[in-house]
Amino acid sequence: MEGSLEAPTRHAIPWRDEAWYDEASLEAELRRVYDICHGCRRCFNLCDSFPKLFDMIDESPNEEVADLSTGQIKAVVDACTLCDMCFMTKCPYVPPHEFDLDFPHLMLRHRAVENRNGDTSLADRELAKMTRNGKLGTTFSGLANWATSEGNALTRPIMEAVAEIDSRAHVPPFREIAFANGAQAVVPAPNPDGPAFGRKAVLYAGCHDNFNDATPGEAAMKVLAHNGVKVRVEYPDCCGMPKFENGDMAAVASAAERISAYFVPLIEDGWDIVPLTTSCALMLKFEWPLIEPGNADVATLSKHTFDVSEYVVALAKSSGLAPIEPMAKTIGVHFACHARAQNMGPKAMEMLRLIPEAKPQLTERCSGHGGKWGIFKQNFDRAIKVGKPTGRSLMKEAPDLVVSECPLAGPHLRQVIEANGNEPPARIGHPIEVMAVAYGL
């Protein structure tokens, strides 16, 4: 029987259980799930994992999952970006259905086994050390930005050979000073006439906002302060999403314990926690509680965490917002996968509709980037391929502006749009940046 009358649920991830790492049990579960996917095929257009799986089955001698080799099974895992869209939007067999199918967390389990066996690539492991990399990058920003710039014929081929980063892929430039280190001196005082005066929000600067591009964070603190919210910026550490992608569960659990312990005293003092990056919000709200289900701090943080677009919409509903000047622009809005996976609806669209005369247009497709997945040589062409329908949809009505809630998807989508033969916009930033412009901030 397909579907369920009950809301989808997710099981805690039993990463401390030795049975979870049993390779024979894992392969049996992979084959069971692949067979269900083979019979359904509803996810054929989500990412490259499913077309790859279905093509391999169709080309096998008996057109059965039993024909697939261990290497072919792994190829499906390697193509998964852990975007969560199959679980969130397509699969009719998620728990509590008796088939009990959670494809993304099964891919995670495979990667956790690989990680335990030492099979995660050196490039994957080193790129996942975001705080270390960010500190080094900001300290030597001039050299780092020169070396990683697109078109650098001297260093990018070396990076491709040594670090497996495709020479064509966009690599985010580093700031000279980390956002959290310099923000306190420039955070605007809360507007005493703002309708949300008395509220307090911690902007959790994710790695990209803290070390690479603080434009969304700067816009968020201005918009919130203009509406009366007292703002502070904090970066206790990386949320662990890149290590989560590697299946390094112990490292992610450690991050969850330390960061939640850091934020809980602030929550108790009346502060809301507002991550600037959708991936960070997803980790704090949903993944951490499944990894550390018995941790009270993690549970508390989950309940008091709001995606930045979600937070502005909540303010609009609870206290109202300061008046916004009309802005008669069409806005192509990329609904990022990790925003969709938060199961809160298209909050960026809701937020941008608060701007008089603005005409936001939603695109609900994956950019293809997939965190660090899309920058690797073996994945870059697939990342462009997956993103091409998204790029076409965004540019279909020739919008005045294009935005994405994912800071990595924005630059990647510029490359996708160019690959489609269109002129890309100068910037694909976060929707909160448009709110700041509408306010004249």
Protein backbone atom coordinates (compact mmCIF):
# COMPACT_ATOMS: atom_id res chain seq x y z
CA MET A 1 0.00 0.00 0.00
CA GLU A 2 1.34 3.40 -0.99
CA GLY A 3 1.44 6.41 1.31
CA SER A 4 0.14 6.91 4.82
CA LEU A 5 -2.52 8.96 6.59
CA GLU A 6 0.02 9.87 9.26
CA ALA A 7 2.66 12.60 9.08
CA PRO A 8 6.16 11.43 8.05
CA THR A 9 8.48 10.72 10.94
CA ARG A 10 12.21 10.10 11.23
CA HIS A 11 14.03 7.67 13.45
CA ALA A 12 16.95 8.64 15.63
CA ILE A 13 20.23 7.73 13.94
CA PRO A 14 21.74 4.79 15.90
CA TRP A 15 25.34 5.73 15.10
CA ARG A 16 26.62 4.45 18.46
CA ASP A 17 25.15 0.98 17.81
CA GLU A 18 27.72 -1.47 16.40
CA ALA A 19 25.01 -3.19 14.36
CA TRP A 20 24.57 0.00 12.34
CA TYR A 21 28.07 -0.51 10.91
CA ASP A 22 27.60 -4.17 9.95
CA GLU A 23 28.44 -4.25 6.25
CA ALA A 24 26.39 -7.33 5.36
CA SER A 25 23.32 -5.83 7.03
CA LEU A 26 23.95 -2.51 5.31
CA GLU A 27 24.20 -4.07 1.86
CA ALA A 28 21.02 -6.05 2.44
CA GLU A 29 19.19 -2.86 3.42
CA LEU A 30 20.57 -0.98 0.43
CA ARG A 31 19.33 -3.71 -1.92
CA ARG A 32 15.92 -3.76 -0.20
CA VAL A 33 15.52 0.00 -0.56
CA TYR A 34 16.87 0.09 -4.11
CA ASP A 35 14.32 -2.55 -5.07
CA ILE A 36 11.48 -0.42 -3.70
CA CYS A 37 12.85 2.61 -5.56
CA HIS A 38 13.14 0.52 -8.73
CA GLY A 39 9.46 -0.41 -8.50
CA CYS A 40 8.34 3.17 -7.84
CA ARG A 41 10.71 5.51 -9.77
CA ARG A 42 8.95 8.63 -8.51
CA CYS A 43 12.32 10.25 -7.76
CA PHE A 44 13.70 9.89 -11.30
CA ASN A 45 14.08 13.67 -11.73
CA LEU A 46 15.41 14.73 -8.32
CA CYS A 47 19.14 14.14 -8.57
CA ASP A 48 21.63 11.90 -10.32
CA SER A 49 21.41 9.03 -7.79
CA PHE A 50 18.09 7.77 -9.08
CA PRO A 51 18.70 7.94 -12.85
CA LYS A 52 22.02 6.22 -12.22
CA LEU A 53 20.32 3.48 -10.20
CA PHE A 54 17.52 2.94 -12.70
CA ASP A 55 19.86 2.89 -15.70
CA MET A 56 22.13 0.31 -14.05
CA ILE A 57 19.13 -1.90 -13.25
CA ASP A 58 17.69 -1.55 -16.75
CA GLU A 59 21.04 -2.46 -18.30
CA SER A 60 21.61 -5.48 -16.01
CA PRO A 61 21.07 -9.04 -17.31
CA ASN A 62 17.78 -9.63 -15.49
CA GLU A 63 16.84 -5.99 -14.82
CA GLU A 64 16.92 -6.68 -11.10
CA VAL A 65 18.68 -5.06 -8.13
CA ALA A 66 20.18 -8.48 -7.38
CA ASP A 67 22.30 -8.07 -10.54
CA LEU A 68 24.06 -4.95 -9.22
CA SER A 69 27.62 -5.24 -7.99
CA THR A 70 28.87 -3.71 -4.75
CA GLY A 71 30.60 -1.05 -6.82
CA GLN A 72 27.36 -0.14 -8.57
CA ILE A 73 25.60 0.13 -5.22
CA LYS A 74 28.31 2.52 -4.04
CA ALA A 75 27.99 4.62 -7.21
CA VAL A 76 24.43 5.51 -6.20
CA VAL A 77 25.65 6.58 -2.76
CA ASP A 78 28.42 8.69 -4.27
CA ALA A 79 25.91 10.57 -6.44
CA CYS A 80 23.73 11.52 -3.44
CA THR A 81 24.11 15.09 -2.14
CA LEU A 82 22.03 14.45 1.03
CA CYS A 83 19.63 17.17 -0.07
CA ASP A 84 16.75 15.28 1.64
CA MET A 85 14.29 16.02 -1.14
CA CYS A 86 13.40 12.40 -1.83
CA PHE A 87 12.38 11.97 1.81
CA MET A 88 10.67 15.36 2.12
CA THR A 89 8.80 15.76 -1.15
CA LYS A 90 8.54 12.54 -3.15
CA CYS A 91 8.75 9.23 -1.31
CA PRO A 92 5.41 7.65 -0.38
CA TYR A 93 7.12 4.98 1.72
CA VAL A 94 8.74 7.02 4.50
CA PRO A 95 8.00 6.10 8.14
CA PRO A 96 5.47 5.29 9.52
CA HIS A 97 4.79 3.34 6.30
CA GLU A 98 5.65 -0.31 6.77
CA PHE A 99 8.39 -0.07 4.12
CA ASP A 100 10.19 2.31 6.52
CA LEU A 101 12.26 3.97 3.80
CA ASP A 102 14.65 6.84 4.53
CA PHE A 103 16.92 7.03 1.51
CA PRO A 104 19.13 9.98 2.63
CA HIS A 105 19.89 8.49 6.02
CA LEU A 106 20.66 5.15 4.37
CA MET A 107 23.21 6.95 2.19
CA LEU A 108 24.54 8.55 5.39
CA ARG A 109 24.90 5.11 6.96
CA HIS A 110 26.96 3.89 4.00
CA ARG A 111 29.25 6.90 4.30
CA ALA A 112 29.57 6.36 8.06
CA VAL A 113 30.76 2.81 7.40
CA GLU A 114 33.23 4.14 4.82
CA ASN A 115 34.41 6.78 7.27
CA ARG A 116 34.98 4.20 10.01
CA ASN A 117 36.92 2.02 7.55
CA GLY A 118 39.15 4.95 6.57
CA ASP A 119 37.75 5.10 3.04
CA THR A 120 36.72 8.79 3.06
CA SER A 121 39.04 10.60 0.67
CA LEU A 122 41.75 12.88 2.03
CA ALA A 123 40.28 15.83 0.11
CA ASP A 124 36.84 15.23 1.64
CA ARG A 125 38.27 14.98 5.14
CA GLU A 126 40.41 18.10 4.87
CA LEU A 127 37.78 20.28 3.17
CA ALA A 128 35.33 19.36 5.96
CA LYS A 129 37.56 21.05 8.55
CA MET A 130 35.76 24.31 7.99
CA THR A 131 36.80 26.29 11.05
CA ARG A 132 40.48 25.50 10.54
CA ASN A 133 40.25 26.26 6.83
CA GLY A 134 38.35 29.46 7.49
CA LYS A 135 40.87 30.75 10.01
CA LEU A 136 43.75 29.99 7.65
CA GLY A 137 41.91 31.51 4.72
CA THR A 138 41.15 34.78 6.47
CA THR A 139 44.68 35.03 7.87
CA PHE A 140 46.17 34.63 4.38
CA SER A 141 43.18 35.95 2.40
CA GLY A 142 45.21 37.72 -0.29
CA LEU A 143 47.22 34.63 -1.17
CA ALA A 144 44.27 32.25 -0.74
CA ASN A 145 41.96 34.30 -2.96
CA TRP A 146 44.59 34.62 -5.67
CA ALA A 147 45.27 30.89 -5.62
CA THR A 148 41.60 29.84 -5.70
CA SER A 149 40.34 32.43 -8.19
CA GLU A 150 38.65 31.03 -11.28
CA GLY A 151 40.87 31.27 -14.32
CA ASN A 152 44.15 31.09 -12.40
CA ALA A 153 46.03 28.88 -14.85
CA LEU A 154 48.91 28.36 -12.43
CA THR A 155 47.21 27.19 -9.24
CA ARG A 156 43.81 25.79 -10.22
CA PRO A 157 45.22 22.85 -12.22
CA ILE A 158 47.39 22.01 -9.20
CA MET A 159 44.34 22.18 -6.92
CA GLU A 160 42.52 19.85 -9.29
CA ALA A 161 45.37 17.35 -9.29
CA VAL A 162 46.07 17.44 -5.55
CA ALA A 163 42.76 18.35 -3.89
CA GLU A 164 40.41 17.00 -6.59
CA ILE A 165 38.65 20.41 -6.84
CA ASP A 166 37.54 20.97 -10.42
CA SER A 167 39.42 23.88 -11.96
CA ARG A 168 36.13 25.30 -13.29
CA ALA A 169 34.28 25.26 -9.94
CA HIS A 170 33.66 28.45 -8.00
CA VAL A 171 35.61 28.50 -4.73
CA PRO A 172 34.35 31.17 -2.28
CA PRO A 173 36.87 33.94 -1.59
CA PHE A 174 37.87 34.64 2.01
CA ARG A 175 37.23 37.78 4.03
CA GLU A 176 40.13 39.54 5.70
CA ILE A 177 38.36 39.53 9.07
CA ALA A 178 35.88 36.89 10.21
CA PHE A 179 32.35 38.32 10.38
CA ALA A 180 31.77 37.39 14.02
CA ASN A 181 35.06 39.02 15.04
CA GLY A 182 34.20 42.39 13.54
CA ALA A 183 30.41 42.45 13.68
CA GLN A 184 29.94 43.67 17.24
CA ALA A 185 31.53 47.00 16.35
CA VAL A 186 29.08 47.61 13.51
CA VAL A 187 25.83 45.98 14.69
CA PRO A 188 23.16 48.73 14.61
CA ALA A 189 21.40 49.57 17.85
CA PRO A 190 17.80 48.32 17.91
CA ASN A 191 15.34 50.88 16.64
CA PRO A 192 13.24 51.86 19.70
CA ASP A 193 10.31 52.62 17.39
CA GLY A 194 10.56 49.25 15.65
CA PRO A 195 7.51 46.99 16.10
CA ALA A 196 9.69 44.12 17.38
CA PHE A 197 11.52 46.24 19.97
CA GLY A 198 12.37 44.07 22.96
CA ARG A 199 13.16 40.94 20.93
CA LYS A 200 16.72 39.62 20.89
CA ALA A 201 18.31 37.49 18.17
CA VAL A 202 21.68 35.80 17.88
CA LEU A 203 22.75 35.53 14.26
CA TYR A 204 24.64 32.24 14.04
CA ALA A 205 27.22 32.98 11.38
CA GLY A 206 27.81 29.74 9.54
CA CYS A 207 31.24 29.07 8.06
CA HIS A 208 30.45 30.71 4.73
CA ASP A 209 29.00 33.84 6.34
CA ASN A 210 31.79 34.04 8.89
CA PHE A 211 34.81 33.43 6.67
CA ASN A 212 33.70 34.03 3.09
CA ASP A 213 30.70 36.28 2.41
CA ALA A 214 29.03 38.24 5.21
CA THR A 215 26.67 40.14 2.91
CA PRO A 216 23.59 38.15 4.05
CA GLY A 217 24.61 38.57 7.70
CA GLU A 218 25.12 42.30 7.33
CA ALA A 219 21.73 42.60 5.64
CA ALA A 220 20.04 40.49 8.33
CA MET A 221 21.40 42.49 11.23
CA LYS A 222 20.30 45.77 9.58
CA VAL A 223 16.78 44.50 8.81
CA LEU A 224 16.29 43.07 12.29
CA ALA A 225 17.72 46.10 14.09
CA HIS A 226 15.56 48.43 11.96
CA ASN A 227 12.54 46.49 13.23
CA GLY A 228 13.65 46.86 16.83
CA VAL A 229 15.43 43.56 17.39
CA LYS A 230 18.61 43.57 19.46
CA VAL A 231 21.20 41.63 17.45
CA ARG A 232 24.50 39.92 18.18
CA VAL A 233 26.63 37.71 15.92
CA GLU A 234 28.22 34.50 17.16
CA TYR A 235 30.33 31.76 15.61
CA PRO A 236 31.12 29.12 18.25
CA ASP A 237 32.15 26.57 15.57
CA CYS A 238 31.04 24.86 12.35
CA CYS A 239 27.67 23.10 12.59
CA GLY A 240 29.29 19.97 11.17
CA MET A 241 27.32 19.65 7.92
CA PRO A 242 30.46 18.96 5.81
CA LYS A 243 31.50 16.20 8.24
CA PHE A 244 27.91 14.93 8.26
CA GLU A 245 28.22 14.55 4.48
CA ASN A 246 31.30 12.40 5.14
CA GLY A 247 29.52 10.20 7.67
CA ASP A 248 31.80 11.40 10.48
CA MET A 249 29.11 10.99 13.10
CA ALA A 250 31.30 11.38 16.18
CA ALA A 251 32.55 14.76 14.94
CA VAL A 252 28.99 15.96 14.26
CA ALA A 253 27.83 14.79 17.69
CA SER A 254 30.72 16.66 19.28
CA ALA A 255 29.74 19.85 17.44
CA ALA A 256 26.12 19.41 18.51
CA GLU A 257 27.09 19.03 22.17
CA ARG A 258 29.50 21.97 22.24
CA ILE A 259 27.48 24.45 20.19
CA SER A 260 24.17 23.71 21.90
CA ALA A 261 25.87 24.14 25.31
CA TYR A 262 27.16 27.50 24.05
CA PHE A 263 23.75 28.73 22.90
CA VAL A 264 21.47 27.42 25.67
CA PRO A 265 22.51 30.09 28.26
CA LEU A 266 21.68 32.73 25.64
CA ILE A 267 18.31 31.11 25.00
CA GLU A 268 17.61 31.13 28.73
CA ASP A 269 18.41 34.85 28.67
CA GLY A 270 15.72 35.43 26.04
CA TRP A 271 17.70 35.27 22.82
CA ASP A 272 16.36 33.58 19.68
CA ILE A 273 18.91 31.69 17.56
CA VAL A 274 18.86 32.58 13.86
CA PRO A 275 21.32 30.74 11.57
CA LEU A 276 22.20 32.65 8.42
CA THR A 277 22.64 29.50 6.32
CA THR A 278 19.86 27.00 5.60
CA SER A 279 22.20 24.02 6.07
CA CYS A 280 23.13 25.21 9.56
CA ALA A 281 19.46 25.72 10.43
CA LEU A 282 18.66 22.22 9.19
CA MET A 283 21.41 20.73 11.36
CA LEU A 284 20.35 22.58 14.52
CA LYS A 285 16.63 22.04 14.08
CA PHE A 286 16.44 18.49 12.72
CA GLU A 287 19.65 16.50 12.26
CA TRP A 288 21.26 17.14 15.65
CA PRO A 289 18.20 15.93 17.60
CA LEU A 290 18.33 12.69 15.60
CA ILE A 291 22.04 12.27 16.29
CA GLU A 292 21.89 13.25 19.97
CA PRO A 293 18.28 12.37 20.94
CA GLY A 294 18.97 12.33 24.68
CA ASN A 295 20.76 15.68 24.87
CA ALA A 296 18.58 18.31 26.59
CA ASP A 297 20.66 21.22 25.28
CA VAL A 298 20.28 19.98 21.70
CA ALA A 299 16.52 19.68 22.17
CA THR A 300 16.29 23.18 23.63
CA LEU A 301 18.32 24.68 20.81
CA SER A 302 16.19 22.92 18.22
CA LYS A 303 13.02 24.50 19.61
CA HIS A 304 14.51 28.00 19.63
CA THR A 305 16.20 27.98 16.21
CA PHE A 306 14.71 29.87 13.26
CA ASP A 307 15.91 30.13 9.69
CA VAL A 308 16.46 33.83 8.90
CA SER A 309 13.60 34.06 6.38
CA GLU A 310 11.37 32.14 8.77
CA TYR A 311 12.28 34.56 11.55
CA VAL A 312 11.38 37.70 9.58
CA VAL A 313 8.04 36.17 8.58
CA ALA A 314 7.38 35.24 12.22
CA LEU A 315 8.10 38.83 13.28
CA ALA A 316 5.71 40.09 10.62
CA LYS A 317 2.96 37.86 11.99
CA SER A 318 3.60 38.49 15.69
CA SER A 319 4.45 42.17 15.88
CA GLY A 320 4.35 43.48 12.33
CA LEU A 321 7.26 45.01 10.45
CA ALA A 322 8.38 48.58 9.95
CA PRO A 323 6.87 50.09 6.77
CA ILE A 324 8.60 49.01 3.56
CA GLU A 325 8.79 51.19 0.46
CA PRO A 326 7.35 49.71 -2.75
CA MET A 327 9.83 47.92 -4.98
CA ALA A 328 8.35 46.98 -8.36
CA LYS A 329 10.78 44.22 -9.29
CA THR A 330 10.38 40.61 -10.35
CA ILE A 331 12.52 38.28 -8.23
CA GLY A 332 13.51 34.75 -9.21
CA VAL A 333 13.62 32.82 -5.94
CA HIS A 334 15.56 29.56 -5.72
CA PHE A 335 13.99 27.49 -2.93
CA ALA A 336 17.14 25.78 -1.65
CA CYS A 337 16.93 22.09 -0.78
CA HIS A 338 18.01 22.57 2.85
CA ALA A 339 15.36 25.27 3.25
CA ARG A 340 12.74 22.88 1.83
CA ALA A 341 13.99 20.11 4.11
CA GLN A 342 13.15 22.23 7.16
CA ASN A 343 9.49 21.56 6.40
CA MET A 344 8.45 25.17 7.04
CA GLY A 345 7.18 26.15 3.60
CA PRO A 346 8.70 28.72 1.22
CA LYS A 347 9.47 31.38 3.84
CA ALA A 348 11.66 33.38 1.45
CA MET A 349 8.62 33.81 -0.81
CA GLU A 350 6.48 34.84 2.16
CA MET A 351 9.12 37.33 3.25
CA LEU A 352 9.58 38.90 -0.19
CA ARG A 353 5.81 39.21 -0.63
CA LEU A 354 5.91 41.61 2.32
CA ILE A 355 7.59 44.12 -0.02
CA PRO A 356 4.88 46.18 -1.74
CA GLU A 357 4.75 45.66 -5.54
CA ALA A 358 7.51 43.01 -5.50
CA LYS A 359 6.78 39.95 -7.62
CA PRO A 360 8.75 36.92 -6.33
CA GLN A 361 8.62 33.80 -8.52
CA LEU A 362 9.48 30.44 -6.93
CA THR A 363 11.69 27.70 -8.37
CA GLU A 364 11.59 24.47 -6.35
CA ARG A 365 14.49 22.56 -7.84
CA CYS A 366 17.98 21.59 -6.71
CA SER A 367 20.87 23.81 -7.79
CA GLY A 368 23.04 20.71 -8.13
CA HIS A 369 25.81 22.07 -5.92
CA GLY A 370 25.33 19.85 -2.85
CA GLY A 371 27.75 21.55 -0.44
CA LYS A 372 31.32 20.55 -1.20
CA TRP A 373 30.06 17.64 -3.35
CA GLY A 374 29.68 19.75 -6.48
CA ILE A 375 33.17 21.26 -6.54
CA PHE A 376 34.96 17.93 -6.91
CA LYS A 377 36.28 16.97 -10.34
CA GLN A 378 34.27 13.74 -10.46
CA ASN A 379 31.02 15.60 -9.66
CA PHE A 380 31.23 19.07 -11.24
CA ASP A 381 29.73 18.15 -14.62
CA ARG A 382 26.89 16.33 -12.87
CA ALA A 383 26.37 19.34 -10.60
CA ILE A 384 25.96 21.56 -13.67
CA LYS A 385 23.66 19.00 -15.32
CA VAL A 386 21.38 18.71 -12.27
CA GLY A 387 21.23 22.49 -11.97
CA LYS A 388 20.37 23.28 -15.60
CA PRO A 389 16.57 22.92 -15.25
CA THR A 390 16.77 25.16 -12.17
CA GLY A 391 18.70 27.79 -14.09
CA ARG A 392 16.21 27.69 -16.95
CA SER A 393 13.28 28.06 -14.56
CA LEU A 394 14.86 30.98 -12.72
CA MET A 395 15.57 32.90 -15.93
CA LYS A 396 12.35 32.01 -17.77
CA GLU A 397 10.62 35.31 -16.98
CA ALA A 398 13.82 37.40 -17.19
CA PRO A 399 13.59 38.55 -13.54
CA ASP A 400 15.14 41.76 -12.32
CA LEU A 401 16.81 39.91 -9.43
CA VAL A 402 17.66 36.29 -8.63
CA VAL A 403 18.14 35.04 -5.07
CA SER A 404 18.83 31.77 -3.27
CA GLU A 405 18.71 30.89 0.41
CA CYS A 406 21.84 28.77 -0.06
CA PRO A 407 25.07 30.82 -0.19
CA LEU A 408 26.90 28.14 -2.19
CA ALA A 409 24.03 27.61 -4.62
CA GLY A 410 24.08 31.26 -5.70
CA PRO A 411 27.54 31.32 -7.35
CA HIS A 412 27.00 27.81 -8.71
CA LEU A 413 23.70 28.85 -10.30
CA ARG A 414 25.51 31.73 -12.03
CA GLN A 415 27.72 29.10 -13.68
CA VAL A 416 24.67 26.98 -14.51
CA ILE A 417 22.85 29.94 -16.08
CA GLU A 418 25.93 30.70 -18.16
CA ALA A 419 26.16 27.03 -19.21
CA ASN A 420 22.54 27.34 -20.38
CA GLY A 421 23.61 30.15 -22.70
CA ASN A 422 22.13 33.01 -20.67
CA GLU A 423 23.77 36.06 -19.16
CA PRO A 424 23.97 35.40 -15.39
CA PRO A 425 23.05 38.12 -12.91
CA ALA A 426 25.97 39.90 -11.27
CA ARG A 427 25.06 38.33 -7.93
CA ILE A 428 22.67 35.68 -6.67
CA GLY A 429 22.49 36.58 -3.00
CA HIS A 430 20.20 35.75 -0.09
CA PRO A 431 16.58 37.02 -0.06
CA ILE A 432 17.33 38.97 3.13
CA GLU A 433 19.59 41.20 1.02
CA VAL A 434 16.56 42.24 -1.03
CA MET A 435 14.71 43.11 2.19
CA ALA A 436 17.62 45.34 3.23
CA VAL A 437 17.57 47.10 -0.16
CA ALA A 438 13.78 47.57 0.08
CA TYR A 439 14.29 49.24 3.47
CA GLY A 440 17.06 51.42 2.02
CA LEU A 441 19.57 50.03 4.51
